[in-house]
Amino acid sequence: MVVPVMSLWLPIVLSGVIVFVTSSIIHMVLGYHKNDYRALPAQDEIQEALRKFNLPMGDFMLPRAADMKDMSTPAFIEKLKKGPVMVVTVMPNGPWTMGAQLGQWFLYGVI
């Protein structure tokens, strides 16, 4: 028997609300993720040094090889040895707006 999706809108939205509230409690109240990210030493100096590059938003690797062949070159291996080796996410400048992120998380839970 086929049930029209529109007749399921209430259980779908209710499930989304339950997932949203439960995940909010797990993430914010219980504090499971409060130590996921550590501060860089001398973070003010690092931030000041990176500011001049005007980095666009996105995810970056350092160092990053141009292709698989480049990964085995002595120059690239030396860069890895010298470090730092990192993956960095650059976000927009300014304060974070949680409203839009929470709204997107709710929609994700409903979908």
N, C-alpha and C. Protein backbone atom coordinates (compact mmCIF):
# COMPACT_ATOMS: atom_id res chain seq x y z
N MET A 1 0.85 -1.18 0.00
CA MET A 1 0.00 0.00 0.00
C MET A 1 0.90 1.24 0.00
N VAL A 2 0.62 2.15 -0.89
CA VAL A 2 1.40 3.37 -1.02
C VAL A 2 0.75 4.46 -0.18
N VAL A 3 1.56 5.10 0.67
CA VAL A 3 1.08 6.20 1.51
C VAL A 3 1.60 7.50 0.92
N PRO A 4 0.71 8.46 0.66
CA PRO A 4 1.19 9.74 0.13
C PRO A 4 2.13 10.43 1.12
N VAL A 5 3.18 11.01 0.59
CA VAL A 5 4.17 11.68 1.43
C VAL A 5 3.54 12.82 2.23
N MET A 6 2.58 13.51 1.66
CA MET A 6 1.95 14.64 2.36
C MET A 6 1.22 14.19 3.62
N SER A 7 0.77 12.94 3.65
CA SER A 7 0.09 12.47 4.86
C SER A 7 1.10 12.16 5.97
N LEU A 8 2.37 12.13 5.62
CA LEU A 8 3.42 11.84 6.61
C LEU A 8 4.13 13.10 7.10
N TRP A 9 3.67 14.29 6.71
CA TRP A 9 4.40 15.51 7.05
C TRP A 9 4.53 15.70 8.55
N LEU A 10 3.49 15.39 9.32
CA LEU A 10 3.57 15.58 10.77
C LEU A 10 4.61 14.66 11.41
N PRO A 11 4.61 13.34 11.12
CA PRO A 11 5.65 12.50 11.71
C PRO A 11 7.06 12.87 11.26
N ILE A 12 7.20 13.34 10.01
CA ILE A 12 8.51 13.73 9.50
C ILE A 12 9.02 14.96 10.26
N VAL A 13 8.18 15.98 10.39
CA VAL A 13 8.59 17.21 11.09
C VAL A 13 8.83 16.91 12.57
N LEU A 14 7.96 16.11 13.18
CA LEU A 14 8.13 15.76 14.59
C LEU A 14 9.45 15.00 14.81
N SER A 15 9.76 14.09 13.91
CA SER A 15 11.04 13.37 14.00
C SER A 15 12.21 14.34 13.87
N GLY A 16 12.09 15.31 12.95
CA GLY A 16 13.15 16.31 12.79
C GLY A 16 13.34 17.13 14.06
N VAL A 17 12.24 17.50 14.71
CA VAL A 17 12.32 18.26 15.95
C VAL A 17 13.00 17.42 17.04
N ILE A 18 12.63 16.16 17.14
CA ILE A 18 13.24 15.28 18.15
C ILE A 18 14.73 15.13 17.91
N VAL A 19 15.13 14.92 16.66
CA VAL A 19 16.56 14.80 16.33
C VAL A 19 17.28 16.10 16.65
N PHE A 20 16.68 17.24 16.30
CA PHE A 20 17.29 18.54 16.55
C PHE A 20 17.49 18.79 18.04
N VAL A 21 16.46 18.56 18.83
CA VAL A 21 16.55 18.80 20.28
C VAL A 21 17.56 17.84 20.91
N THR A 22 17.49 16.57 20.55
CA THR A 22 18.42 15.58 21.12
C THR A 22 19.86 15.92 20.76
N SER A 23 20.11 16.23 19.50
CA SER A 23 21.48 16.55 19.10
C SER A 23 21.96 17.85 19.75
N SER A 24 21.05 18.81 19.95
CA SER A 24 21.44 20.05 20.63
C SER A 24 21.86 19.77 22.06
N ILE A 25 21.11 18.91 22.74
CA ILE A 25 21.47 18.55 24.12
C ILE A 25 22.82 17.85 24.14
N ILE A 26 23.02 16.91 23.23
CA ILE A 26 24.28 16.17 23.20
C ILE A 26 25.46 17.10 22.93
N HIS A 27 25.30 18.02 21.98
CA HIS A 27 26.42 18.87 21.59
C HIS A 27 26.65 20.04 22.53
N MET A 28 25.58 20.66 23.01
CA MET A 28 25.76 21.90 23.79
C MET A 28 25.73 21.68 25.30
N VAL A 29 24.83 20.88 25.78
CA VAL A 29 24.68 20.72 27.22
C VAL A 29 25.70 19.74 27.79
N LEU A 30 25.85 18.60 27.12
CA LEU A 30 26.75 17.58 27.65
C LEU A 30 28.21 17.87 27.35
N GLY A 31 28.49 18.73 26.39
CA GLY A 31 29.85 19.18 26.13
C GLY A 31 30.79 18.14 25.55
N TYR A 32 30.27 17.20 24.79
CA TYR A 32 31.14 16.17 24.21
C TYR A 32 32.21 16.75 23.30
N HIS A 33 31.92 17.87 22.64
CA HIS A 33 32.83 18.39 21.62
C HIS A 33 33.61 19.62 22.06
N LYS A 34 33.57 19.95 23.34
CA LYS A 34 34.21 21.19 23.77
C LYS A 34 35.74 21.16 23.60
N ASN A 35 36.33 20.00 23.55
CA ASN A 35 37.78 19.90 23.39
C ASN A 35 38.20 19.38 22.02
N ASP A 36 37.31 19.48 21.04
CA ASP A 36 37.64 19.01 19.69
C ASP A 36 38.78 19.81 19.06
N TYR A 37 38.80 21.10 19.32
CA TYR A 37 39.82 21.97 18.73
C TYR A 37 40.65 22.60 19.83
N ARG A 38 41.95 22.56 19.65
CA ARG A 38 42.85 23.22 20.59
C ARG A 38 43.32 24.54 19.99
N ALA A 39 43.71 25.47 20.82
CA ALA A 39 44.25 26.75 20.35
C ALA A 39 45.69 26.56 19.88
N LEU A 40 46.03 27.25 18.82
CA LEU A 40 47.42 27.24 18.36
C LEU A 40 48.27 28.05 19.34
N PRO A 41 49.50 27.62 19.57
CA PRO A 41 50.38 28.47 20.37
C PRO A 41 50.66 29.75 19.59
N ALA A 42 50.72 30.85 20.27
CA ALA A 42 50.96 32.16 19.64
C ALA A 42 49.91 32.43 18.56
N GLN A 43 48.64 32.14 18.86
CA GLN A 43 47.60 32.27 17.85
C GLN A 43 47.44 33.70 17.34
N ASP A 44 47.67 34.69 18.18
CA ASP A 44 47.56 36.07 17.72
C ASP A 44 48.59 36.39 16.64
N GLU A 45 49.82 35.91 16.84
CA GLU A 45 50.88 36.15 15.85
C GLU A 45 50.61 35.38 14.56
N ILE A 46 50.12 34.16 14.68
CA ILE A 46 49.81 33.36 13.49
C ILE A 46 48.67 34.01 12.71
N GLN A 47 47.64 34.46 13.41
CA GLN A 47 46.52 35.12 12.75
C GLN A 47 46.98 36.38 12.04
N GLU A 48 47.83 37.16 12.69
CA GLU A 48 48.35 38.39 12.07
C GLU A 48 49.18 38.06 10.83
N ALA A 49 50.00 37.01 10.90
CA ALA A 49 50.83 36.63 9.76
C ALA A 49 49.99 36.17 8.57
N LEU A 50 48.90 35.46 8.82
CA LEU A 50 48.05 34.94 7.74
C LEU A 50 47.13 36.01 7.15
N ARG A 51 46.82 37.03 7.92
CA ARG A 51 45.87 38.05 7.48
C ARG A 51 46.29 38.70 6.16
N LYS A 52 47.58 38.91 5.96
CA LYS A 52 48.05 39.60 4.75
C LYS A 52 47.79 38.81 3.47
N PHE A 53 47.52 37.52 3.58
CA PHE A 53 47.26 36.70 2.40
C PHE A 53 45.81 36.77 1.93
N ASN A 54 44.92 37.35 2.74
CA ASN A 54 43.52 37.49 2.38
C ASN A 54 42.95 36.17 1.85
N LEU A 55 43.08 35.13 2.64
CA LEU A 55 42.67 33.80 2.22
C LEU A 55 41.17 33.72 1.97
N PRO A 56 40.76 33.09 0.86
CA PRO A 56 39.33 32.91 0.62
C PRO A 56 38.79 31.79 1.52
N MET A 57 37.47 31.74 1.67
CA MET A 57 36.86 30.67 2.44
C MET A 57 37.12 29.34 1.73
N GLY A 58 37.31 28.29 2.53
CA GLY A 58 37.50 26.96 1.96
C GLY A 58 38.41 26.11 2.81
N ASP A 59 38.67 24.91 2.33
CA ASP A 59 39.57 23.97 2.99
C ASP A 59 40.88 23.90 2.23
N PHE A 60 41.97 23.91 2.95
CA PHE A 60 43.30 23.95 2.34
C PHE A 60 44.21 22.92 3.01
N MET A 61 45.18 22.41 2.24
CA MET A 61 46.21 21.51 2.77
C MET A 61 47.55 22.21 2.65
N LEU A 62 48.40 21.96 3.62
CA LEU A 62 49.74 22.53 3.61
C LEU A 62 50.72 21.48 4.07
N PRO A 63 51.70 21.10 3.31
CA PRO A 63 51.86 21.41 1.89
C PRO A 63 50.89 20.57 1.05
N ARG A 64 50.66 20.99 -0.17
CA ARG A 64 49.79 20.26 -1.08
C ARG A 64 50.53 20.01 -2.37
N ALA A 65 50.58 18.75 -2.75
CA ALA A 65 51.24 18.36 -3.99
C ALA A 65 50.30 18.63 -5.17
N ALA A 66 50.89 18.93 -6.32
CA ALA A 66 50.09 19.19 -7.52
C ALA A 66 49.42 17.92 -8.02
N ASP A 67 50.09 16.77 -7.86
CA ASP A 67 49.55 15.49 -8.30
C ASP A 67 50.25 14.36 -7.55
N MET A 68 49.86 13.13 -7.80
CA MET A 68 50.44 11.98 -7.10
C MET A 68 51.94 11.86 -7.37
N LYS A 69 52.36 12.16 -8.58
CA LYS A 69 53.78 12.08 -8.93
C LYS A 69 54.61 13.07 -8.10
N ASP A 70 54.05 14.25 -7.89
CA ASP A 70 54.74 15.29 -7.12
C ASP A 70 54.92 14.90 -5.66
N MET A 71 54.05 14.03 -5.15
CA MET A 71 54.12 13.63 -3.74
C MET A 71 55.39 12.83 -3.41
N SER A 72 55.99 12.23 -4.43
CA SER A 72 57.18 11.42 -4.18
C SER A 72 58.48 12.14 -4.49
N THR A 73 58.40 13.42 -4.84
CA THR A 73 59.62 14.15 -5.15
C THR A 73 60.36 14.51 -3.86
N PRO A 74 61.67 14.60 -3.91
CA PRO A 74 62.44 14.96 -2.73
C PRO A 74 62.03 16.33 -2.15
N ALA A 75 61.70 17.27 -3.02
CA ALA A 75 61.32 18.61 -2.54
C ALA A 75 60.04 18.55 -1.71
N PHE A 76 59.05 17.78 -2.17
CA PHE A 76 57.79 17.68 -1.43
C PHE A 76 58.00 16.92 -0.12
N ILE A 77 58.76 15.86 -0.15
CA ILE A 77 59.05 15.09 1.06
C ILE A 77 59.77 15.97 2.09
N GLU A 78 60.65 16.82 1.62
CA GLU A 78 61.35 17.75 2.52
C GLU A 78 60.37 18.73 3.17
N LYS A 79 59.40 19.21 2.38
CA LYS A 79 58.37 20.10 2.94
C LYS A 79 57.59 19.39 4.04
N LEU A 80 57.28 18.11 3.83
CA LEU A 80 56.56 17.34 4.85
C LEU A 80 57.41 17.20 6.11
N LYS A 81 58.69 16.95 5.93
CA LYS A 81 59.58 16.77 7.08
C LYS A 81 59.75 18.07 7.86
N LYS A 82 59.87 19.20 7.15
CA LYS A 82 60.07 20.48 7.81
C LYS A 82 58.81 20.96 8.52
N GLY A 83 57.62 20.64 7.92
CA GLY A 83 56.36 21.03 8.53
C GLY A 83 56.16 22.53 8.54
N PRO A 84 55.09 22.99 9.11
CA PRO A 84 53.99 22.20 9.63
C PRO A 84 53.17 21.58 8.50
N VAL A 85 52.56 20.44 8.80
CA VAL A 85 51.66 19.75 7.89
C VAL A 85 50.26 19.92 8.46
N MET A 86 49.35 20.43 7.65
CA MET A 86 48.02 20.71 8.21
C MET A 86 46.93 20.73 7.16
N VAL A 87 45.72 20.59 7.62
CA VAL A 87 44.51 20.85 6.86
C VAL A 87 43.81 21.99 7.58
N VAL A 88 43.48 23.04 6.85
CA VAL A 88 42.94 24.26 7.45
C VAL A 88 41.60 24.59 6.80
N THR A 89 40.63 24.97 7.60
CA THR A 89 39.36 25.47 7.09
C THR A 89 39.31 26.97 7.37
N VAL A 90 39.17 27.76 6.31
CA VAL A 90 39.06 29.21 6.44
C VAL A 90 37.58 29.57 6.36
N MET A 91 37.09 30.24 7.40
CA MET A 91 35.69 30.63 7.47
C MET A 91 35.58 32.13 7.26
N PRO A 92 34.37 32.63 7.04
CA PRO A 92 34.23 34.08 6.83
C PRO A 92 34.62 34.87 8.07
N ASN A 93 35.15 36.07 7.86
CA ASN A 93 35.49 36.94 8.98
C ASN A 93 34.23 37.39 9.70
N GLY A 94 34.38 37.72 10.95
CA GLY A 94 33.27 38.25 11.73
C GLY A 94 32.71 37.22 12.69
N PRO A 95 31.76 37.66 13.52
CA PRO A 95 31.18 36.75 14.50
C PRO A 95 30.36 35.66 13.82
N TRP A 96 30.26 34.54 14.49
CA TRP A 96 29.49 33.41 13.97
C TRP A 96 28.02 33.68 14.19
N THR A 97 27.21 33.29 13.23
CA THR A 97 25.76 33.38 13.37
C THR A 97 25.23 31.96 13.48
N MET A 98 24.80 31.61 14.66
CA MET A 98 24.34 30.25 14.91
C MET A 98 22.95 29.99 14.33
N GLY A 99 22.15 31.03 14.15
CA GLY A 99 20.78 30.85 13.67
C GLY A 99 20.71 30.12 12.35
N ALA A 100 21.49 30.57 11.37
CA ALA A 100 21.47 29.94 10.05
C ALA A 100 22.00 28.51 10.13
N GLN A 101 23.05 28.29 10.91
CA GLN A 101 23.61 26.95 11.04
C GLN A 101 22.63 26.00 11.72
N LEU A 102 21.95 26.47 12.75
CA LEU A 102 20.97 25.64 13.43
C LEU A 102 19.78 25.35 12.52
N GLY A 103 19.37 26.34 11.74
CA GLY A 103 18.29 26.12 10.78
C GLY A 103 18.64 25.07 9.75
N GLN A 104 19.87 25.14 9.25
CA GLN A 104 20.33 24.14 8.28
C GLN A 104 20.41 22.77 8.93
N TRP A 105 20.84 22.69 10.17
CA TRP A 105 20.92 21.40 10.88
C TRP A 105 19.52 20.83 11.07
N PHE A 106 18.53 21.66 11.39
CA PHE A 106 17.15 21.21 11.53
C PHE A 106 16.63 20.66 10.20
N LEU A 107 16.86 21.38 9.12
CA LEU A 107 16.42 20.90 7.80
C LEU A 107 17.09 19.59 7.44
N TYR A 108 18.37 19.46 7.77
CA TYR A 108 19.08 18.21 7.52
C TYR A 108 18.42 17.07 8.31
N GLY A 109 18.06 17.32 9.57
CA GLY A 109 17.40 16.30 10.38
C GLY A 109 16.05 15.91 9.81
N VAL A 110 15.31 16.88 9.27
CA VAL A 110 13.99 16.58 8.69
C VAL A 110 14.15 15.77 7.41
N ILE A 111 15.11 16.16 6.60
CA ILE A 111 15.31 15.46 5.31
C ILE A 111 15.85 14.08 5.56
